[in-house]
PDB file of N, CA and C in Angstrom:
ATOM      1  N   MET A   1       0.834  -1.200   0.000  1.00  0.00           N
ATOM      2  CA  MET A   1       0.000   0.000   0.000  1.00  0.00           C
ATOM      3  C   MET A   1       0.873   1.256   0.000  1.00  0.00           C
ATOM      4  N   PHE A   2       1.861   1.286   0.908  1.00  0.00           N
ATOM      5  CA  PHE A   2       2.727   2.457   1.000  1.00  0.00           C
ATOM      6  C   PHE A   2       3.529   2.627  -0.287  1.00  0.00           C
ATOM      7  N   ASN A   3       3.960   1.518  -0.866  1.00  0.00           N
ATOM      8  CA  ASN A   3       4.706   1.557  -2.113  1.00  0.00           C
ATOM      9  C   ASN A   3       3.849   2.155  -3.237  1.00  0.00           C
ATOM     10  N   THR A   4       2.589   1.788  -3.293  1.00  0.00           N
ATOM     11  CA  THR A   4       1.674   2.316  -4.305  1.00  0.00           C
ATOM     12  C   THR A   4       1.484   3.815  -4.124  1.00  0.00           C
ATOM     13  N   LEU A   5       1.381   4.272  -2.880  1.00  0.00           N
ATOM     14  CA  LEU A   5       1.250   5.703  -2.616  1.00  0.00           C
ATOM     15  C   LEU A   5       2.485   6.474  -3.075  1.00  0.00           C
ATOM     16  N   LEU A   6       3.656   5.910  -2.835  1.00  0.00           N
ATOM     17  CA  LEU A   6       4.882   6.569  -3.275  1.00  0.00           C
ATOM     18  C   LEU A   6       4.964   6.635  -4.798  1.00  0.00           C
ATOM     19  N   ILE A   7       4.548   5.575  -5.466  1.00  0.00           N
ATOM     20  CA  ILE A   7       4.533   5.576  -6.932  1.00  0.00           C
ATOM     21  C   ILE A   7       3.546   6.623  -7.444  1.00  0.00           C
ATOM     22  N   ALA A   8       2.381   6.705  -6.833  1.00  0.00           N
ATOM     23  CA  ALA A   8       1.382   7.689  -7.238  1.00  0.00           C
ATOM     24  C   ALA A   8       1.899   9.113  -7.026  1.00  0.00           C
ATOM     25  N   LEU A   9       2.565   9.350  -5.906  1.00  0.00           N
ATOM     26  CA  LEU A   9       3.133  10.662  -5.631  1.00  0.00           C
ATOM     27  C   LEU A   9       4.205  11.008  -6.665  1.00  0.00           C
ATOM     28  N   GLY A  10       5.067  10.054  -6.964  1.00  0.00           N
ATOM     29  CA  GLY A  10       6.100  10.283  -7.963  1.00  0.00           C
ATOM     30  C   GLY A  10       5.516  10.587  -9.329  1.00  0.00           C
ATOM     31  N   LEU A  11       4.495   9.847  -9.726  1.00  0.00           N
ATOM     32  CA  LEU A  11       3.842  10.090 -11.017  1.00  0.00           C
ATOM     33  C   LEU A  11       3.194  11.465 -11.048  1.00  0.00           C
ATOM     34  N   MET A  12       2.565  11.859  -9.945  1.00  0.00           N
ATOM     35  CA  MET A  12       1.953  13.179  -9.877  1.00  0.00           C
ATOM     36  C   MET A  12       3.013  14.270 -10.056  1.00  0.00           C
ATOM     37  N   LEU A  13       4.163  14.105  -9.401  1.00  0.00           N
ATOM     38  CA  LEU A  13       5.217  15.108  -9.518  1.00  0.00           C
ATOM     39  C   LEU A  13       5.782  15.181 -10.929  1.00  0.00           C
ATOM     40  N   VAL A  14       5.921  14.036 -11.582  1.00  0.00           N
ATOM     41  CA  VAL A  14       6.387  14.027 -12.972  1.00  0.00           C
ATOM     42  C   VAL A  14       5.392  14.768 -13.864  1.00  0.00           C
ATOM     43  N   LEU A  15       4.114  14.454 -13.713  1.00  0.00           N
ATOM     44  CA  LEU A  15       3.092  15.109 -14.538  1.00  0.00           C
ATOM     45  C   LEU A  15       3.005  16.610 -14.253  1.00  0.00           C
ATOM     46  N   GLU A  16       3.123  16.982 -12.986  1.00  0.00           N
ATOM     47  CA  GLU A  16       3.081  18.399 -12.619  1.00  0.00           C
ATOM     48  C   GLU A  16       4.269  19.168 -13.192  1.00  0.00           C
ATOM     49  N   GLY A  17       5.389  18.501 -13.349  1.00  0.00           N
ATOM     50  CA  GLY A  17       6.586  19.166 -13.842  1.00  0.00           C
ATOM     51  C   GLY A  17       6.693  19.249 -15.355  1.00  0.00           C
ATOM     52  N   LEU A  18       5.831  18.543 -16.073  1.00  0.00           N
ATOM     53  CA  LEU A  18       5.933  18.533 -17.531  1.00  0.00           C
ATOM     54  C   LEU A  18       5.716  19.907 -18.157  1.00  0.00           C
ATOM     55  N   LEU A  19       4.654  20.586 -17.804  1.00  0.00           N
ATOM     56  CA  LEU A  19       4.358  21.869 -18.439  1.00  0.00           C
ATOM     57  C   LEU A  19       5.404  22.931 -18.131  1.00  0.00           C
ATOM     58  N   PRO A  20       5.828  23.113 -16.886  1.00  0.00           N
ATOM     59  CA  PRO A  20       6.882  24.109 -16.649  1.00  0.00           C
ATOM     60  C   PRO A  20       8.184  23.775 -17.384  1.00  0.00           C
ATOM     61  N   PHE A  21       8.466  22.484 -17.566  1.00  0.00           N
ATOM     62  CA  PHE A  21       9.683  22.091 -18.260  1.00  0.00           C
ATOM     63  C   PHE A  21       9.568  22.303 -19.770  1.00  0.00           C
ATOM     64  N   LEU A  22       8.433  21.912 -20.345  1.00  0.00           N
ATOM     65  CA  LEU A  22       8.277  21.972 -21.799  1.00  0.00           C
ATOM     66  C   LEU A  22       7.880  23.352 -22.307  1.00  0.00           C
ATOM     67  N   ALA A  23       7.061  24.071 -21.562  1.00  0.00           N
ATOM     68  CA  ALA A  23       6.569  25.375 -22.013  1.00  0.00           C
ATOM     69  C   ALA A  23       6.461  26.325 -20.825  1.00  0.00           C
ATOM     70  N   PRO A  24       7.586  26.831 -20.329  1.00  0.00           N
ATOM     71  CA  PRO A  24       7.541  27.675 -19.129  1.00  0.00           C
ATOM     72  C   PRO A  24       6.737  28.958 -19.321  1.00  0.00           C
ATOM     73  N   HIS A  25       6.738  29.525 -20.526  1.00  0.00           N
ATOM     74  CA  HIS A  25       5.968  30.759 -20.748  1.00  0.00           C
ATOM     75  C   HIS A  25       4.469  30.513 -20.643  1.00  0.00           C
ATOM     76  N   ILE A  26       3.992  29.391 -21.148  1.00  0.00           N
ATOM     77  CA  ILE A  26       2.565  29.062 -21.035  1.00  0.00           C
ATOM     78  C   ILE A  26       2.210  28.795 -19.576  1.00  0.00           C
ATOM     79  N   TRP A  27       3.076  28.066 -18.863  1.00  0.00           N
ATOM     80  CA  TRP A  27       2.828  27.769 -17.462  1.00  0.00           C
ATOM     81  C   TRP A  27       2.752  29.054 -16.644  1.00  0.00           C
ATOM     82  N   ARG A  28       3.690  29.974 -16.900  1.00  0.00           N
ATOM     83  CA  ARG A  28       3.718  31.241 -16.154  1.00  0.00           C
ATOM     84  C   ARG A  28       2.453  32.055 -16.427  1.00  0.00           C
ATOM     85  N   ASP A  29       2.036  32.161 -17.700  1.00  0.00           N
ATOM     86  CA  ASP A  29       0.816  32.902 -18.032  1.00  0.00           C
ATOM     87  C   ASP A  29      -0.409  32.279 -17.366  1.00  0.00           C
ATOM     88  N   THR A  30      -0.481  30.954 -17.400  1.00  0.00           N
ATOM     89  CA  THR A  30      -1.605  30.258 -16.772  1.00  0.00           C
ATOM     90  C   THR A  30      -1.615  30.495 -15.269  1.00  0.00           C
ATOM     91  N   PHE A  31      -0.447  30.420 -14.641  1.00  0.00           N
ATOM     92  CA  PHE A  31      -0.344  30.629 -13.204  1.00  0.00           C
ATOM     93  C   PHE A  31      -0.777  32.052 -12.832  1.00  0.00           C
ATOM     94  N   LEU A  32      -0.382  33.032 -13.627  1.00  0.00           N
ATOM     95  CA  LEU A  32      -0.785  34.414 -13.359  1.00  0.00           C
ATOM     96  C   LEU A  32      -2.295  34.583 -13.472  1.00  0.00           C
ATOM     97  N   ARG A  33      -2.909  33.926 -14.442  1.00  0.00           N
ATOM     98  CA  ARG A  33      -4.370  33.996 -14.584  1.00  0.00           C
ATOM     99  C   ARG A  33      -5.074  33.354 -13.395  1.00  0.00           C
ATOM    100  N   ILE A  34      -4.525  32.243 -12.921  1.00  0.00           N
ATOM    101  CA  ILE A  34      -5.133  31.555 -11.782  1.00  0.00           C
ATOM    102  C   ILE A  34      -5.097  32.428 -10.535  1.00  0.00           C
ATOM    103  N   THR A  35      -4.002  33.177 -10.349  1.00  0.00           N
ATOM    104  CA  THR A  35      -3.902  34.027  -9.158  1.00  0.00           C
ATOM    105  C   THR A  35      -4.923  35.156  -9.169  1.00  0.00           C
ATOM    106  N   GLN A  36      -5.498  35.453 -10.327  1.00  0.00           N
ATOM    107  CA  GLN A  36      -6.476  36.530 -10.417  1.00  0.00           C
ATOM    108  C   GLN A  36      -7.913  36.046 -10.224  1.00  0.00           C
ATOM    109  N   LEU A  37      -8.108  34.741 -10.072  1.00  0.00           N
ATOM    110  CA  LEU A  37      -9.450  34.208  -9.875  1.00  0.00           C
ATOM    111  C   LEU A  37      -9.935  34.487  -8.456  1.00  0.00           C
ATOM    112  N   ALA A  38     -11.233  34.564  -8.309  1.00  0.00           N
ATOM    113  CA  ALA A  38     -11.842  34.753  -6.988  1.00  0.00           C
ATOM    114  C   ALA A  38     -11.740  33.448  -6.194  1.00  0.00           C
ATOM    115  N   ASN A  39     -11.862  33.549  -4.878  1.00  0.00           N
ATOM    116  CA  ASN A  39     -11.775  32.369  -4.010  1.00  0.00           C
ATOM    117  C   ASN A  39     -12.818  31.313  -4.371  1.00  0.00           C
ATOM    118  N   GLY A  40     -14.020  31.737  -4.678  1.00  0.00           N
ATOM    119  CA  GLY A  40     -15.071  30.794  -5.044  1.00  0.00           C
ATOM    120  C   GLY A  40     -14.723  30.021  -6.314  1.00  0.00           C
ATOM    121  N   GLN A  41     -14.134  30.702  -7.269  1.00  0.00           N
ATOM    122  CA  GLN A  41     -13.730  30.035  -8.505  1.00  0.00           C
ATOM    123  C   GLN A  41     -12.624  29.019  -8.242  1.00  0.00           C
ATOM    124  N   LEU A  42     -11.679  29.379  -7.395  1.00  0.00           N
ATOM    125  CA  LEU A  42     -10.594  28.453  -7.056  1.00  0.00           C
ATOM    126  C   LEU A  42     -11.134  27.231  -6.309  1.00  0.00           C
ATOM    127  N   ARG A  43     -12.082  27.465  -5.400  1.00  0.00           N
ATOM    128  CA  ARG A  43     -12.671  26.344  -4.665  1.00  0.00           C
ATOM    129  C   ARG A  43     -13.405  25.406  -5.613  1.00  0.00           C
ATOM    130  N   PHE A  44     -14.133  25.974  -6.578  1.00  0.00           N
ATOM    131  CA  PHE A  44     -14.842  25.145  -7.546  1.00  0.00           C
ATOM    132  C   PHE A  44     -13.861  24.323  -8.378  1.00  0.00           C
ATOM    133  N   MET A  45     -12.760  24.928  -8.799  1.00  0.00           N
ATOM    134  CA  MET A  45     -11.752  24.199  -9.561  1.00  0.00           C
ATOM    135  C   MET A  45     -11.136  23.077  -8.721  1.00  0.00           C
ATOM    136  N   GLY A  46     -10.890  23.354  -7.446  1.00  0.00           N
ATOM    137  CA  GLY A  46     -10.361  22.329  -6.552  1.00  0.00           C
ATOM    138  C   GLY A  46     -11.339  21.183  -6.363  1.00  0.00           C
ATOM    139  N   LEU A  47     -12.611  21.520  -6.165  1.00  0.00           N
ATOM    140  CA  LEU A  47     -13.639  20.494  -6.002  1.00  0.00           C
ATOM    141  C   LEU A  47     -13.763  19.653  -7.269  1.00  0.00           C
ATOM    142  N   ALA A  48     -13.797  20.304  -8.417  1.00  0.00           N
ATOM    143  CA  ALA A  48     -13.907  19.582  -9.681  1.00  0.00           C
ATOM    144  C   ALA A  48     -12.707  18.661  -9.879  1.00  0.00           C
ATOM    145  N   SER A  49     -11.535  19.137  -9.539  1.00  0.00           N
ATOM    146  CA  SER A  49     -10.322  18.328  -9.670  1.00  0.00           C
ATOM    147  C   SER A  49     -10.385  17.102  -8.758  1.00  0.00           C
ATOM    148  N   MET A  50     -10.832  17.285  -7.529  1.00  0.00           N
ATOM    149  CA  MET A  50     -10.938  16.165  -6.609  1.00  0.00           C
ATOM    150  C   MET A  50     -11.958  15.142  -7.095  1.00  0.00           C
ATOM    151  N   LEU A  51     -13.091  15.611  -7.611  1.00  0.00           N
ATOM    152  CA  LEU A  51     -14.127  14.697  -8.088  1.00  0.00           C
ATOM    153  C   LEU A  51     -13.650  13.906  -9.306  1.00  0.00           C
ATOM    154  N   VAL A  52     -12.962  14.565 -10.207  1.00  0.00           N
ATOM    155  CA  VAL A  52     -12.411  13.856 -11.374  1.00  0.00           C
ATOM    156  C   VAL A  52     -11.368  12.841 -10.918  1.00  0.00           C
ATOM    157  N   GLY A  53     -10.536  13.217  -9.975  1.00  0.00           N
ATOM    158  CA  GLY A  53      -9.543  12.286  -9.447  1.00  0.00           C
ATOM    159  C   GLY A  53     -10.186  11.062  -8.810  1.00  0.00           C
ATOM    160  N   LEU A  54     -11.231  11.287  -8.020  1.00  0.00           N
ATOM    161  CA  LEU A  54     -11.949  10.171  -7.417  1.00  0.00           C
ATOM    162  C   LEU A  54     -12.577   9.270  -8.464  1.00  0.00           C
ATOM    163  N   LEU A  55     -13.139   9.869  -9.499  1.00  0.00           N
ATOM    164  CA  LEU A  55     -13.744   9.099 -10.589  1.00  0.00           C
ATOM    165  C   LEU A  55     -12.685   8.248 -11.284  1.00  0.00           C
ATOM    166  N   VAL A  56     -11.526   8.812 -11.529  1.00  0.00           N
ATOM    167  CA  VAL A  56     -10.443   8.048 -12.152  1.00  0.00           C
ATOM    168  C   VAL A  56     -10.028   6.880 -11.266  1.00  0.00           C
ATOM    169  N   ILE A  57      -9.928   7.107  -9.966  1.00  0.00           N
ATOM    170  CA  ILE A  57      -9.556   6.053  -9.026  1.00  0.00           C
ATOM    171  C   ILE A  57     -10.599   4.944  -9.023  1.00  0.00           C
ATOM    172  N   ILE A  58     -11.871   5.312  -8.998  1.00  0.00           N
ATOM    173  CA  ILE A  58     -12.942   4.338  -8.984  1.00  0.00           C
ATOM    174  C   ILE A  58     -12.951   3.517 -10.273  1.00  0.00           C
ATOM    175  N   LEU A  59     -12.769   4.196 -11.404  1.00  0.00           N
ATOM    176  CA  LEU A  59     -12.770   3.487 -12.683  1.00  0.00           C
ATOM    177  C   LEU A  59     -11.544   2.597 -12.857  1.00  0.00           C
ATOM    178  N   ALA A  60     -10.451   2.948 -12.222  1.00  0.00           N
ATOM    179  CA  ALA A  60      -9.213   2.186 -12.350  1.00  0.00           C
ATOM    180  C   ALA A  60      -9.239   0.904 -11.520  1.00  0.00           C
ATOM    181  N   LYS A  61     -10.118   0.833 -10.536  1.00  0.00           N
ATOM    182  CA  LYS A  61     -10.170  -0.355  -9.669  1.00  0.00           C
ATOM    183  C   LYS A  61     -10.865  -1.498 -10.325  1.00  0.00           C
TER     184      LYS A  61
END
């Protein structure tokens, strides 16, 4: 179980690092736009991300 969590964490970090590595200007512009969103919009994006993640986990089992 712990090994699977470490693999998942490593994969997440690899995926998170792809855009800044391949296209730093796009990543920077996107990050600046995100900082200008209202708190409610950020919460909705976080909730949507969590729900999609849960759906992927459920479908993968």
